[in-house]
Amino acid sequence: MKKFIWILALVVLFVMAGWAAEKAVVLKVKVQLANVRSEPDASATVIAQVKLGTLLESMGKVDSFYEITVTDKNGQTVSGYIHASVVDVMTGGEEKMEETPRPVPREEPATYREPARSSGYEGGSRGGFKVMGGLAMTNLSLSEDIPSGISKKSKMGFGAGLGYEFGSSQFRLEIDALFIPGGAIFEGESGTNKIKMTMSGMGLGAAVLAKVRFMPGSSPYVLGGADIGYILSQKVKVDINGEINEEDISKDISRIYYGLDFGGGYEFQMQNLGFFVEIRYMLGLANQIKNPEGGAYIKPNGFILMVGVKL
């Protein structure tokens, strides 16, 4: 009796295996690139694309769509549907597949296109050229005390730059060329005189920075590094009781400047471009006094808020 039961079980297993093999259909993609959709509908979302010659196994068919299993753009194994017009049936019993009658438009073979980027922005997230611009709020560090009644204020101006970054999606190096303003405003009263002195300059510099991103794709980041540059011009404008005198002091200062940069920002993706907003603090270490005596110094510093696009 037990022997009979074992033989019967084996027969059932063979029958089921043969039925499954008969139901399975091997498909071969016959177009350059075929769409795999989330539903058996020509207007459904494309979840993956398969190349010419790819072999697929289907266990079912809905109207003109074969149900298959593929790996999507995020590396997950998911079920999807591929249209019969873009594949050839290699083996299996297509005529035995259950179909739910429903008119579905014939899907045209997909033309080649570059795969859509994920939220990780794999092309730009690892680097690229940058164009940026923004508002600078600069000041000067002085060795001498400011006279009583006079206050020192930051000076506003606009800057711009180009950059290139490279590395992994989490850690990158960046090289920038920047055109930035500098200076400060001294304003107040001395005796009966109202005084306003504006120091303003413009420099062209280069920065080498290290950037750390916290997440793949759109992410906040921090950065730090060093910069060096050349002061193109430096002017002093003095207004005493409405009488204005302006002088170019470029030849009287040390034009080479250098310092450290610190900051952070956030970058995000919009279609095929990367966008970012960033704030940096630029700490000047170079003394602008040409021949300093007794430890005297004037050092530039300031904040710059930048927005830009990464190509």
C-alpha atoms as a PDB file:
ATOM      1  CA  MET A   1       0.000   0.000   0.000  1.00  0.00           C
ATOM      2  CA  LYS A   2       2.785   2.421   0.966  1.00  0.00           C
ATOM      3  CA  LYS A   3       4.605   1.616  -2.264  1.00  0.00           C
ATOM      4  CA  PHE A   4       1.471   2.465  -4.229  1.00  0.00           C
ATOM      5  CA  ILE A   5       1.114   5.817  -2.441  1.00  0.00           C
ATOM      6  CA  TRP A   6       4.754   6.731  -3.247  1.00  0.00           C
ATOM      7  CA  ILE A   7       4.281   5.819  -6.906  1.00  0.00           C
ATOM      8  CA  LEU A   8       1.070   7.883  -7.069  1.00  0.00           C
ATOM      9  CA  ALA A   9       2.843  10.898  -5.507  1.00  0.00           C
ATOM     10  CA  LEU A  10       5.672  10.680  -8.042  1.00  0.00           C
ATOM     11  CA  VAL A  11       3.182  10.501 -10.905  1.00  0.00           C
ATOM     12  CA  VAL A  12       1.386  13.611  -9.582  1.00  0.00           C
ATOM     13  CA  LEU A  13       4.697  15.501  -9.291  1.00  0.00           C
ATOM     14  CA  PHE A  14       5.698  14.595 -12.861  1.00  0.00           C
ATOM     15  CA  VAL A  15       2.291  15.635 -14.169  1.00  0.00           C
ATOM     16  CA  MET A  16       2.468  18.997 -12.337  1.00  0.00           C
ATOM     17  CA  ALA A  17       6.020  19.614 -13.554  1.00  0.00           C
ATOM     18  CA  GLY A  18       4.990  18.834 -17.115  1.00  0.00           C
ATOM     19  CA  TRP A  19       1.987  21.153 -16.786  1.00  0.00           C
ATOM     20  CA  ALA A  20       4.198  23.985 -15.498  1.00  0.00           C
ATOM     21  CA  ALA A  21       6.719  23.461 -18.280  1.00  0.00           C
ATOM     22  CA  GLU A  22       3.923  23.487 -20.793  1.00  0.00           C
ATOM     23  CA  LYS A  23       2.564  26.743 -19.402  1.00  0.00           C
ATOM     24  CA  ALA A  24       5.961  28.498 -19.364  1.00  0.00           C
ATOM     25  CA  VAL A  25       6.833  30.415 -22.528  1.00  0.00           C
ATOM     26  CA  VAL A  26      10.321  31.563 -23.485  1.00  0.00           C
ATOM     27  CA  LEU A  27      10.342  34.933 -25.230  1.00  0.00           C
ATOM     28  CA  LYS A  28      13.118  36.649 -27.176  1.00  0.00           C
ATOM     29  CA  VAL A  29      13.196  40.430 -27.592  1.00  0.00           C
ATOM     30  CA  LYS A  30      13.266  41.310 -31.301  1.00  0.00           C
ATOM     31  CA  VAL A  31      13.629  45.121 -31.162  1.00  0.00           C
ATOM     32  CA  GLN A  32      16.551  47.279 -30.106  1.00  0.00           C
ATOM     33  CA  LEU A  33      14.929  48.260 -26.816  1.00  0.00           C
ATOM     34  CA  ALA A  34      11.589  47.042 -25.477  1.00  0.00           C
ATOM     35  CA  ASN A  35       9.499  48.626 -22.732  1.00  0.00           C
ATOM     36  CA  VAL A  36       8.377  46.632 -19.702  1.00  0.00           C
ATOM     37  CA  ARG A  37       5.271  48.198 -18.171  1.00  0.00           C
ATOM     38  CA  SER A  38       3.731  48.034 -14.712  1.00  0.00           C
ATOM     39  CA  GLU A  39       0.327  46.975 -16.081  1.00  0.00           C
ATOM     40  CA  PRO A  40      -0.880  45.195 -19.251  1.00  0.00           C
ATOM     41  CA  ASP A  41      -1.673  48.533 -20.851  1.00  0.00           C
ATOM     42  CA  ALA A  42       0.210  50.522 -23.504  1.00  0.00           C
ATOM     43  CA  SER A  43      -0.176  53.705 -21.426  1.00  0.00           C
ATOM     44  CA  ALA A  44       1.077  52.180 -18.164  1.00  0.00           C
ATOM     45  CA  THR A  45       4.335  53.301 -16.519  1.00  0.00           C
ATOM     46  CA  VAL A  46       7.583  51.918 -17.989  1.00  0.00           C
ATOM     47  CA  ILE A  47       9.426  50.203 -15.124  1.00  0.00           C
ATOM     48  CA  ALA A  48      12.329  48.737 -17.114  1.00  0.00           C
ATOM     49  CA  GLN A  49      13.710  48.283 -20.618  1.00  0.00           C
ATOM     50  CA  VAL A  50      15.237  45.125 -22.138  1.00  0.00           C
ATOM     51  CA  LYS A  51      17.649  44.910 -25.049  1.00  0.00           C
ATOM     52  CA  LEU A  52      17.561  43.081 -28.361  1.00  0.00           C
ATOM     53  CA  GLY A  53      18.095  39.327 -27.961  1.00  0.00           C
ATOM     54  CA  THR A  54      17.206  39.139 -24.257  1.00  0.00           C
ATOM     55  CA  LEU A  55      15.493  35.854 -23.290  1.00  0.00           C
ATOM     56  CA  LEU A  56      12.523  36.093 -20.927  1.00  0.00           C
ATOM     57  CA  GLU A  57      10.224  33.516 -19.362  1.00  0.00           C
ATOM     58  CA  SER A  58       6.498  34.182 -19.119  1.00  0.00           C
ATOM     59  CA  MET A  59       3.960  32.242 -17.078  1.00  0.00           C
ATOM     60  CA  GLY A  60       0.888  34.119 -18.215  1.00  0.00           C
ATOM     61  CA  LYS A  61      -0.639  36.435 -20.786  1.00  0.00           C
ATOM     62  CA  VAL A  62      -3.226  39.209 -20.499  1.00  0.00           C
ATOM     63  CA  ASP A  63      -4.609  40.308 -23.831  1.00  0.00           C
ATOM     64  CA  SER A  64      -1.529  41.166 -25.953  1.00  0.00           C
ATOM     65  CA  PHE A  65       0.845  41.426 -23.000  1.00  0.00           C
ATOM     66  CA  TYR A  66       3.068  38.694 -21.547  1.00  0.00           C
ATOM     67  CA  GLU A  67       3.661  38.744 -17.804  1.00  0.00           C
ATOM     68  CA  ILE A  68       7.388  38.534 -16.971  1.00  0.00           C
ATOM     69  CA  THR A  69       9.798  39.154 -14.088  1.00  0.00           C
ATOM     70  CA  VAL A  70      12.525  41.800 -14.479  1.00  0.00           C
ATOM     71  CA  THR A  71      14.919  43.917 -12.441  1.00  0.00           C
ATOM     72  CA  ASP A  72      13.812  47.574 -12.319  1.00  0.00           C
ATOM     73  CA  LYS A  73      15.940  50.736 -12.213  1.00  0.00           C
ATOM     74  CA  ASN A  74      16.336  50.445  -8.430  1.00  0.00           C
ATOM     75  CA  GLY A  75      17.668  46.877  -8.601  1.00  0.00           C
ATOM     76  CA  GLN A  76      14.436  45.302  -7.326  1.00  0.00           C
ATOM     77  CA  THR A  77      12.896  42.163  -8.891  1.00  0.00           C
ATOM     78  CA  VAL A  78       9.356  43.020  -9.955  1.00  0.00           C
ATOM     79  CA  SER A  79       6.612  41.668 -12.190  1.00  0.00           C
ATOM     80  CA  GLY A  80       5.871  43.524 -15.381  1.00  0.00           C
ATOM     81  CA  TYR A  81       4.263  43.192 -18.804  1.00  0.00           C
ATOM     82  CA  ILE A  82       5.788  43.228 -22.293  1.00  0.00           C
ATOM     83  CA  HIS A  83       3.800  43.575 -25.515  1.00  0.00           C
ATOM     84  CA  ALA A  84       3.635  40.630 -27.889  1.00  0.00           C
ATOM     85  CA  SER A  85       4.627  42.780 -30.865  1.00  0.00           C
ATOM     86  CA  VAL A  86       8.187  43.284 -29.550  1.00  0.00           C
ATOM     87  CA  VAL A  87       9.026  39.624 -28.755  1.00  0.00           C
ATOM     88  CA  ASP A  88       9.195  36.256 -30.511  1.00  0.00           C
ATOM     89  CA  VAL A  89       7.848  33.132 -28.803  1.00  0.00           C
ATOM     90  CA  MET A  90      10.636  30.550 -28.645  1.00  0.00           C
ATOM     91  CA  THR A  91       8.992  27.649 -26.767  1.00  0.00           C
ATOM     92  CA  GLY A  92       5.849  26.800 -24.835  1.00  0.00           C
ATOM     93  CA  GLY A  93       2.134  26.553 -25.398  1.00  0.00           C
ATOM     94  CA  GLU A  94       1.048  30.025 -26.198  1.00  0.00           C
ATOM     95  CA  GLU A  95      -2.364  28.874 -27.324  1.00  0.00           C
ATOM     96  CA  LYS A  96      -3.127  27.460 -23.853  1.00  0.00           C
ATOM     97  CA  MET A  97      -2.593  30.702 -21.999  1.00  0.00           C
ATOM     98  CA  GLU A  98      -5.620  32.283 -20.396  1.00  0.00           C
ATOM     99  CA  GLU A  99      -6.554  35.631 -21.812  1.00  0.00           C
ATOM    100  CA  THR A 100      -9.000  38.194 -20.558  1.00  0.00           C
ATOM    101  CA  PRO A 101     -10.655  39.721 -23.642  1.00  0.00           C
ATOM    102  CA  ARG A 102      -9.961  43.423 -23.709  1.00  0.00           C
ATOM    103  CA  PRO A 103      -8.963  45.601 -26.652  1.00  0.00           C
ATOM    104  CA  VAL A 104      -5.429  46.901 -26.207  1.00  0.00           C
ATOM    105  CA  PRO A 105      -3.655  49.083 -28.800  1.00  0.00           C
ATOM    106  CA  ARG A 106      -0.601  47.604 -30.454  1.00  0.00           C
ATOM    107  CA  GLU A 107       2.575  48.950 -28.890  1.00  0.00           C
ATOM    108  CA  GLU A 108       5.212  50.300 -31.244  1.00  0.00           C
ATOM    109  CA  PRO A 109       8.804  49.073 -30.760  1.00  0.00           C
ATOM    110  CA  ALA A 110      10.687  51.373 -28.430  1.00  0.00           C
ATOM    111  CA  THR A 111      13.329  53.600 -29.970  1.00  0.00           C
ATOM    112  CA  TYR A 112      16.632  53.823 -28.175  1.00  0.00           C
ATOM    113  CA  ARG A 113      16.908  56.487 -25.552  1.00  0.00           C
ATOM    114  CA  GLU A 114      19.258  57.053 -22.676  1.00  0.00           C
ATOM    115  CA  PRO A 115      17.863  55.459 -19.497  1.00  0.00           C
ATOM    116  CA  ALA A 116      16.157  57.917 -17.191  1.00  0.00           C
ATOM    117  CA  ARG A 117      18.259  58.913 -14.229  1.00  0.00           C
ATOM    118  CA  SER A 118      17.151  57.837 -10.810  1.00  0.00           C
ATOM    119  CA  SER A 119      16.779  60.130  -7.820  1.00  0.00           C
ATOM    120  CA  GLY A 120      20.457  59.444  -7.218  1.00  0.00           C
ATOM    121  CA  TYR A 121      21.260  61.572 -10.274  1.00  0.00           C
ATOM    122  CA  GLU A 122      24.049  59.171 -11.202  1.00  0.00           C
ATOM    123  CA  GLY A 123      25.416  61.300 -14.024  1.00  0.00           C
ATOM    124  CA  GLY A 124      25.651  64.604 -12.167  1.00  0.00           C
ATOM    125  CA  SER A 125      25.831  63.223  -8.642  1.00  0.00           C
ATOM    126  CA  ARG A 126      29.395  62.074  -9.271  1.00  0.00           C
ATOM    127  CA  GLY A 127      30.570  65.399 -10.639  1.00  0.00           C
ATOM    128  CA  GLY A 128      30.322  67.835 -13.490  1.00  0.00           C
ATOM    129  CA  PHE A 129      30.754  71.446 -14.513  1.00  0.00           C
ATOM    130  CA  LYS A 130      29.104  74.136 -12.414  1.00  0.00           C
ATOM    131  CA  VAL A 131      27.964  77.681 -13.120  1.00  0.00           C
ATOM    132  CA  MET A 132      27.200  79.788 -10.058  1.00  0.00           C
ATOM    133  CA  GLY A 133      26.505  83.288  -8.869  1.00  0.00           C
ATOM    134  CA  GLY A 134      25.363  85.014  -5.743  1.00  0.00           C
ATOM    135  CA  LEU A 135      25.513  87.726  -3.124  1.00  0.00           C
ATOM    136  CA  ALA A 136      28.666  88.414  -1.113  1.00  0.00           C
ATOM    137  CA  MET A 137      28.768  90.136   2.279  1.00  0.00           C
ATOM    138  CA  THR A 138      32.413  91.053   2.880  1.00  0.00           C
ATOM    139  CA  ASN A 139      34.339  92.730   5.677  1.00  0.00           C
ATOM    140  CA  LEU A 140      37.878  93.490   6.854  1.00  0.00           C
ATOM    141  CA  SER A 141      39.719  92.341   9.954  1.00  0.00           C
ATOM    142  CA  LEU A 142      41.935  95.126  11.344  1.00  0.00           C
ATOM    143  CA  SER A 143      44.827  95.142  13.787  1.00  0.00           C
ATOM    144  CA  GLU A 144      44.041  98.714  14.867  1.00  0.00           C
ATOM    145  CA  ASP A 145      41.077  99.800  16.961  1.00  0.00           C
ATOM    146  CA  ILE A 146      38.367 101.781  15.192  1.00  0.00           C
ATOM    147  CA  PRO A 147      38.049 105.384  16.456  1.00  0.00           C
ATOM    148  CA  SER A 148      35.203 106.135  18.839  1.00  0.00           C
ATOM    149  CA  GLY A 149      32.003 107.098  17.062  1.00  0.00           C
ATOM    150  CA  ILE A 150      32.888 105.133  13.930  1.00  0.00           C
ATOM    151  CA  SER A 151      31.351 101.726  13.179  1.00  0.00           C
ATOM    152  CA  LYS A 152      32.499  99.106  10.709  1.00  0.00           C
ATOM    153  CA  LYS A 153      29.924  97.400   8.506  1.00  0.00           C
ATOM    154  CA  SER A 154      29.945  94.674   5.908  1.00  0.00           C
ATOM    155  CA  LYS A 155      29.776  95.598   2.238  1.00  0.00           C
ATOM    156  CA  MET A 156      27.400  93.861  -0.166  1.00  0.00           C
ATOM    157  CA  GLY A 157      28.250  92.874  -3.706  1.00  0.00           C
ATOM    158  CA  PHE A 158      27.670  90.294  -6.418  1.00  0.00           C
ATOM    159  CA  GLY A 159      30.015  87.494  -7.406  1.00  0.00           C
ATOM    160  CA  ALA A 160      30.075  84.689  -9.949  1.00  0.00           C
ATOM    161  CA  GLY A 161      32.136  81.664 -10.834  1.00  0.00           C
ATOM    162  CA  LEU A 162      32.724  78.404 -12.647  1.00  0.00           C
ATOM    163  CA  GLY A 163      33.625  75.087 -11.108  1.00  0.00           C
ATOM    164  CA  TYR A 164      34.226  71.414 -11.688  1.00  0.00           C
ATOM    165  CA  GLU A 165      33.758  68.604  -9.188  1.00  0.00           C
ATOM    166  CA  PHE A 166      34.638  64.913  -9.368  1.00  0.00           C
ATOM    167  CA  GLY A 167      34.697  61.838  -7.144  1.00  0.00           C
ATOM    168  CA  SER A 168      32.171  59.442  -5.667  1.00  0.00           C
ATOM    169  CA  SER A 169      28.531  60.212  -4.894  1.00  0.00           C
ATOM    170  CA  GLN A 170      29.420  60.826  -1.219  1.00  0.00           C
ATOM    171  CA  PHE A 171      32.910  62.393  -1.342  1.00  0.00           C
ATOM    172  CA  ARG A 172      34.138  64.799  -4.008  1.00  0.00           C
ATOM    173  CA  LEU A 173      36.835  67.296  -4.816  1.00  0.00           C
ATOM    174  CA  GLU A 174      35.913  70.626  -6.359  1.00  0.00           C
ATOM    175  CA  ILE A 175      37.963  73.249  -8.201  1.00  0.00           C
ATOM    176  CA  ASP A 176      36.432  76.717  -8.607  1.00  0.00           C
ATOM    177  CA  ALA A 177      37.336  79.944 -10.363  1.00  0.00           C
ATOM    178  CA  LEU A 178      35.587  82.882  -8.684  1.00  0.00           C
ATOM    179  CA  PHE A 179      35.095  86.560  -9.437  1.00  0.00           C
ATOM    180  CA  ILE A 180      34.188  88.090  -6.070  1.00  0.00           C
ATOM    181  CA  PRO A 181      33.954  91.541  -4.428  1.00  0.00           C
ATOM    182  CA  GLY A 182      35.565  92.640  -1.185  1.00  0.00           C
ATOM    183  CA  GLY A 183      35.732  95.563   1.187  1.00  0.00           C
ATOM    184  CA  ALA A 184      33.977  97.215   4.136  1.00  0.00           C
ATOM    185  CA  ILE A 185      32.171 100.405   5.150  1.00  0.00           C
ATOM    186  CA  PHE A 186      33.248 102.718   7.991  1.00  0.00           C
ATOM    187  CA  GLU A 187      30.593 105.197   9.030  1.00  0.00           C
ATOM    188  CA  GLY A 188      29.901 107.555  11.912  1.00  0.00           C
ATOM    189  CA  GLU A 189      30.734 110.949  13.398  1.00  0.00           C
ATOM    190  CA  SER A 190      33.995 112.461  14.506  1.00  0.00           C
ATOM    191  CA  GLY A 191      33.436 115.759  16.258  1.00  0.00           C
ATOM    192  CA  THR A 192      31.165 117.800  14.012  1.00  0.00           C
ATOM    193  CA  ASN A 193      31.992 115.778  10.922  1.00  0.00           C
ATOM    194  CA  LYS A 194      29.854 113.041   9.427  1.00  0.00           C
ATOM    195  CA  ILE A 195      32.153 110.484   7.871  1.00  0.00           C
ATOM    196  CA  LYS A 196      31.569 107.558   5.559  1.00  0.00           C
ATOM    197  CA  MET A 197      34.505 105.673   4.116  1.00  0.00           C
ATOM    198  CA  THR A 198      33.910 102.819   1.707  1.00  0.00           C
ATOM    199  CA  MET A 199      36.677 100.394   0.796  1.00  0.00           C
ATOM    200  CA  SER A 200      35.742  98.304  -2.213  1.00  0.00           C
ATOM    201  CA  GLY A 201      37.660  95.888  -4.362  1.00  0.00           C
ATOM    202  CA  MET A 202      37.310  93.041  -6.808  1.00  0.00           C
ATOM    203  CA  GLY A 203      39.351  89.881  -6.981  1.00  0.00           C
ATOM    204  CA  LEU A 204      39.799  86.844  -9.172  1.00  0.00           C
ATOM    205  CA  GLY A 205      40.562  83.660  -7.274  1.00  0.00           C
ATOM    206  CA  ALA A 206      40.700  79.890  -7.327  1.00  0.00           C
ATOM    207  CA  ALA A 207      39.519  77.478  -4.636  1.00  0.00           C
ATOM    208  CA  VAL A 208      40.200  73.791  -4.024  1.00  0.00           C
ATOM    209  CA  LEU A 209      37.542  72.203  -1.834  1.00  0.00           C
ATOM    210  CA  ALA A 210      36.580  68.834  -0.387  1.00  0.00           C
ATOM    211  CA  LYS A 211      32.841  68.107  -0.264  1.00  0.00           C
ATOM    212  CA  VAL A 212      31.018  65.473   1.769  1.00  0.00           C
ATOM    213  CA  ARG A 213      27.425  64.569   0.831  1.00  0.00           C
ATOM    214  CA  PHE A 214      25.175  62.824   3.343  1.00  0.00           C
ATOM    215  CA  MET A 215      22.825  60.898   1.033  1.00  0.00           C
ATOM    216  CA  PRO A 216      22.708  59.552  -2.516  1.00  0.00           C
ATOM    217  CA  GLY A 217      20.681  61.663  -4.907  1.00  0.00           C
ATOM    218  CA  SER A 218      19.447  65.011  -3.625  1.00  0.00           C
ATOM    219  CA  SER A 219      21.395  65.716  -0.461  1.00  0.00           C
ATOM    220  CA  PRO A 220      22.751  68.316   1.965  1.00  0.00           C
ATOM    221  CA  TYR A 221      26.525  68.624   2.053  1.00  0.00           C
ATOM    222  CA  VAL A 222      29.424  70.331   3.827  1.00  0.00           C
ATOM    223  CA  LEU A 223      32.641  71.586   2.285  1.00  0.00           C
ATOM    224  CA  GLY A 224      36.006  72.999   3.234  1.00  0.00           C
ATOM    225  CA  GLY A 225      39.235  73.966   1.569  1.00  0.00           C
ATOM    226  CA  ALA A 226      41.582  76.773   0.629  1.00  0.00           C
ATOM    227  CA  ASP A 227      41.585  79.634  -1.848  1.00  0.00           C
ATOM    228  CA  ILE A 228      44.141  81.903  -3.437  1.00  0.00           C
ATOM    229  CA  GLY A 229      43.698  84.879  -5.710  1.00  0.00           C
ATOM    230  CA  TYR A 230      44.679  88.261  -7.048  1.00  0.00           C
ATOM    231  CA  ILE A 231      43.083  91.610  -6.213  1.00  0.00           C
ATOM    232  CA  LEU A 232      42.244  93.306  -9.500  1.00  0.00           C
ATOM    233  CA  SER A 233      41.360  96.670  -7.976  1.00  0.00           C
ATOM    234  CA  GLN A 234      41.010  98.353  -4.567  1.00  0.00           C
ATOM    235  CA  LYS A 235      39.438 101.768  -4.102  1.00  0.00           C
ATOM    236  CA  VAL A 236      38.681 104.037  -1.150  1.00  0.00           C
ATOM    237  CA  LYS A 237      35.790 106.477  -1.270  1.00  0.00           C
ATOM    238  CA  VAL A 238      35.624 109.054   1.536  1.00  0.00           C
ATOM    239  CA  ASP A 239      32.549 111.198   2.190  1.00  0.00           C
ATOM    240  CA  ILE A 240      33.023 113.929   4.807  1.00  0.00           C
ATOM    241  CA  ASN A 241      29.959 116.152   5.258  1.00  0.00           C
ATOM    242  CA  GLY A 242      28.945 115.523   1.671  1.00  0.00           C
ATOM    243  CA  GLU A 243      32.356 116.202   0.148  1.00  0.00           C
ATOM    244  CA  ILE A 244      33.428 113.058  -1.700  1.00  0.00           C
ATOM    245  CA  ASN A 245      36.928 111.996  -2.612  1.00  0.00           C
ATOM    246  CA  GLU A 246      37.725 108.699  -4.317  1.00  0.00           C
ATOM    247  CA  GLU A 247      41.157 107.173  -4.797  1.00  0.00           C
ATOM    248  CA  ASP A 248      42.502 103.971  -6.355  1.00  0.00           C
ATOM    249  CA  ILE A 249      44.930 102.399  -3.864  1.00  0.00           C
ATOM    250  CA  SER A 250      45.591  99.189  -5.819  1.00  0.00           C
ATOM    251  CA  LYS A 251      49.300  99.943  -6.176  1.00  0.00           C
ATOM    252  CA  ASP A 252      49.669 100.532  -2.423  1.00  0.00           C
ATOM    253  CA  ILE A 253      48.401  97.147  -1.236  1.00  0.00           C
ATOM    254  CA  SER A 254      49.551  93.553  -1.439  1.00  0.00           C
ATOM    255  CA  ARG A 255      47.432  92.126  -4.224  1.00  0.00           C
ATOM    256  CA  ILE A 256      47.912  88.417  -3.528  1.00  0.00           C
ATOM    257  CA  TYR A 257      45.384  87.016  -1.089  1.00  0.00           C
ATOM    258  CA  TYR A 258      44.742  83.549   0.296  1.00  0.00           C
ATOM    259  CA  GLY A 259      42.634  81.965   2.966  1.00  0.00           C
ATOM    260  CA  LEU A 260      40.361  79.146   4.065  1.00  0.00           C
ATOM    261  CA  ASP A 261      36.804  78.367   2.998  1.00  0.00           C
ATOM    262  CA  PHE A 262      34.090  76.613   5.012  1.00  0.00           C
ATOM    263  CA  GLY A 263      30.436  76.071   4.261  1.00  0.00           C
ATOM    264  CA  GLY A 264      27.611  73.845   3.225  1.00  0.00           C
ATOM    265  CA  GLY A 265      24.559  73.647   1.047  1.00  0.00           C
ATOM    266  CA  TYR A 266      21.958  71.481  -0.597  1.00  0.00           C
ATOM    267  CA  GLU A 267      21.880  70.084  -4.119  1.00  0.00           C
ATOM    268  CA  PHE A 268      18.922  68.550  -5.870  1.00  0.00           C
ATOM    269  CA  GLN A 269      17.892  67.186  -9.242  1.00  0.00           C
ATOM    270  CA  MET A 270      15.380  68.550 -11.705  1.00  0.00           C
ATOM    271  CA  GLN A 271      15.159  66.355 -14.798  1.00  0.00           C
ATOM    272  CA  ASN A 272      18.698  66.091 -16.214  1.00  0.00           C
ATOM    273  CA  LEU A 273      20.271  69.048 -14.388  1.00  0.00           C
ATOM    274  CA  GLY A 274      21.586  69.465 -10.872  1.00  0.00           C
ATOM    275  CA  PHE A 275      20.770  72.612  -8.901  1.00  0.00           C
ATOM    276  CA  PHE A 276      22.312  73.789  -5.656  1.00  0.00           C
ATOM    277  CA  VAL A 277      22.211  76.554  -3.061  1.00  0.00           C
ATOM    278  CA  GLU A 278      25.288  77.099  -0.912  1.00  0.00           C
ATOM    279  CA  ILE A 279      26.788  79.431   1.675  1.00  0.00           C
ATOM    280  CA  ARG A 280      30.527  79.822   2.271  1.00  0.00           C
ATOM    281  CA  TYR A 281      32.575  81.677   4.852  1.00  0.00           C
ATOM    282  CA  MET A 282      35.855  82.911   3.390  1.00  0.00           C
ATOM    283  CA  LEU A 283      38.513  83.569   6.056  1.00  0.00           C
ATOM    284  CA  GLY A 284      41.358  85.686   4.694  1.00  0.00           C
ATOM    285  CA  LEU A 285      44.843  84.953   5.986  1.00  0.00           C
ATOM    286  CA  ALA A 286      46.874  87.293   3.749  1.00  0.00           C
ATOM    287  CA  ASN A 287      47.771  90.790   4.931  1.00  0.00           C
ATOM    288  CA  GLN A 288      46.786  93.475   2.429  1.00  0.00           C
ATOM    289  CA  ILE A 289      49.211  95.986   3.928  1.00  0.00           C
ATOM    290  CA  LYS A 290      52.176  96.021   1.599  1.00  0.00           C
ATOM    291  CA  ASN A 291      54.923  96.768   4.120  1.00  0.00           C
ATOM    292  CA  PRO A 292      53.402  96.194   7.553  1.00  0.00           C
ATOM    293  CA  GLU A 293      55.050  97.562  10.667  1.00  0.00           C
ATOM    294  CA  GLY A 294      54.542  96.570  14.265  1.00  0.00           C
ATOM    295  CA  GLY A 295      52.198  93.696  13.444  1.00  0.00           C
ATOM    296  CA  ALA A 296      49.658  95.875  11.592  1.00  0.00           C
ATOM    297  CA  TYR A 297      47.332  94.008   9.253  1.00  0.00           C
ATOM    298  CA  ILE A 298      44.192  94.250   7.153  1.00  0.00           C
ATOM    299  CA  LYS A 299      42.695  90.886   6.191  1.00  0.00           C
ATOM    300  CA  PRO A 300      39.579  90.312   4.065  1.00  0.00           C
ATOM    301  CA  ASN A 301      36.805  87.936   5.044  1.00  0.00           C
ATOM    302  CA  GLY A 302      33.114  87.443   4.413  1.00  0.00           C
ATOM    303  CA  PHE A 303      30.152  85.281   3.531  1.00  0.00           C
ATOM    304  CA  ILE A 304      28.928  84.461   0.055  1.00  0.00           C
ATOM    305  CA  LEU A 305      25.530  82.955  -0.744  1.00  0.00           C
ATOM    306  CA  MET A 306      25.524  81.223  -4.103  1.00  0.00           C
ATOM    307  CA  VAL A 307      23.023  79.428  -6.290  1.00  0.00           C
ATOM    308  CA  GLY A 308      23.915  77.537  -9.412  1.00  0.00           C
ATOM    309  CA  VAL A 309      23.397  74.758 -11.885  1.00  0.00           C
ATOM    310  CA  LYS A 310      25.490  71.652 -12.483  1.00  0.00           C
ATOM    311  CA  LEU A 311      25.658  70.307 -16.036  1.00  0.00           C
END
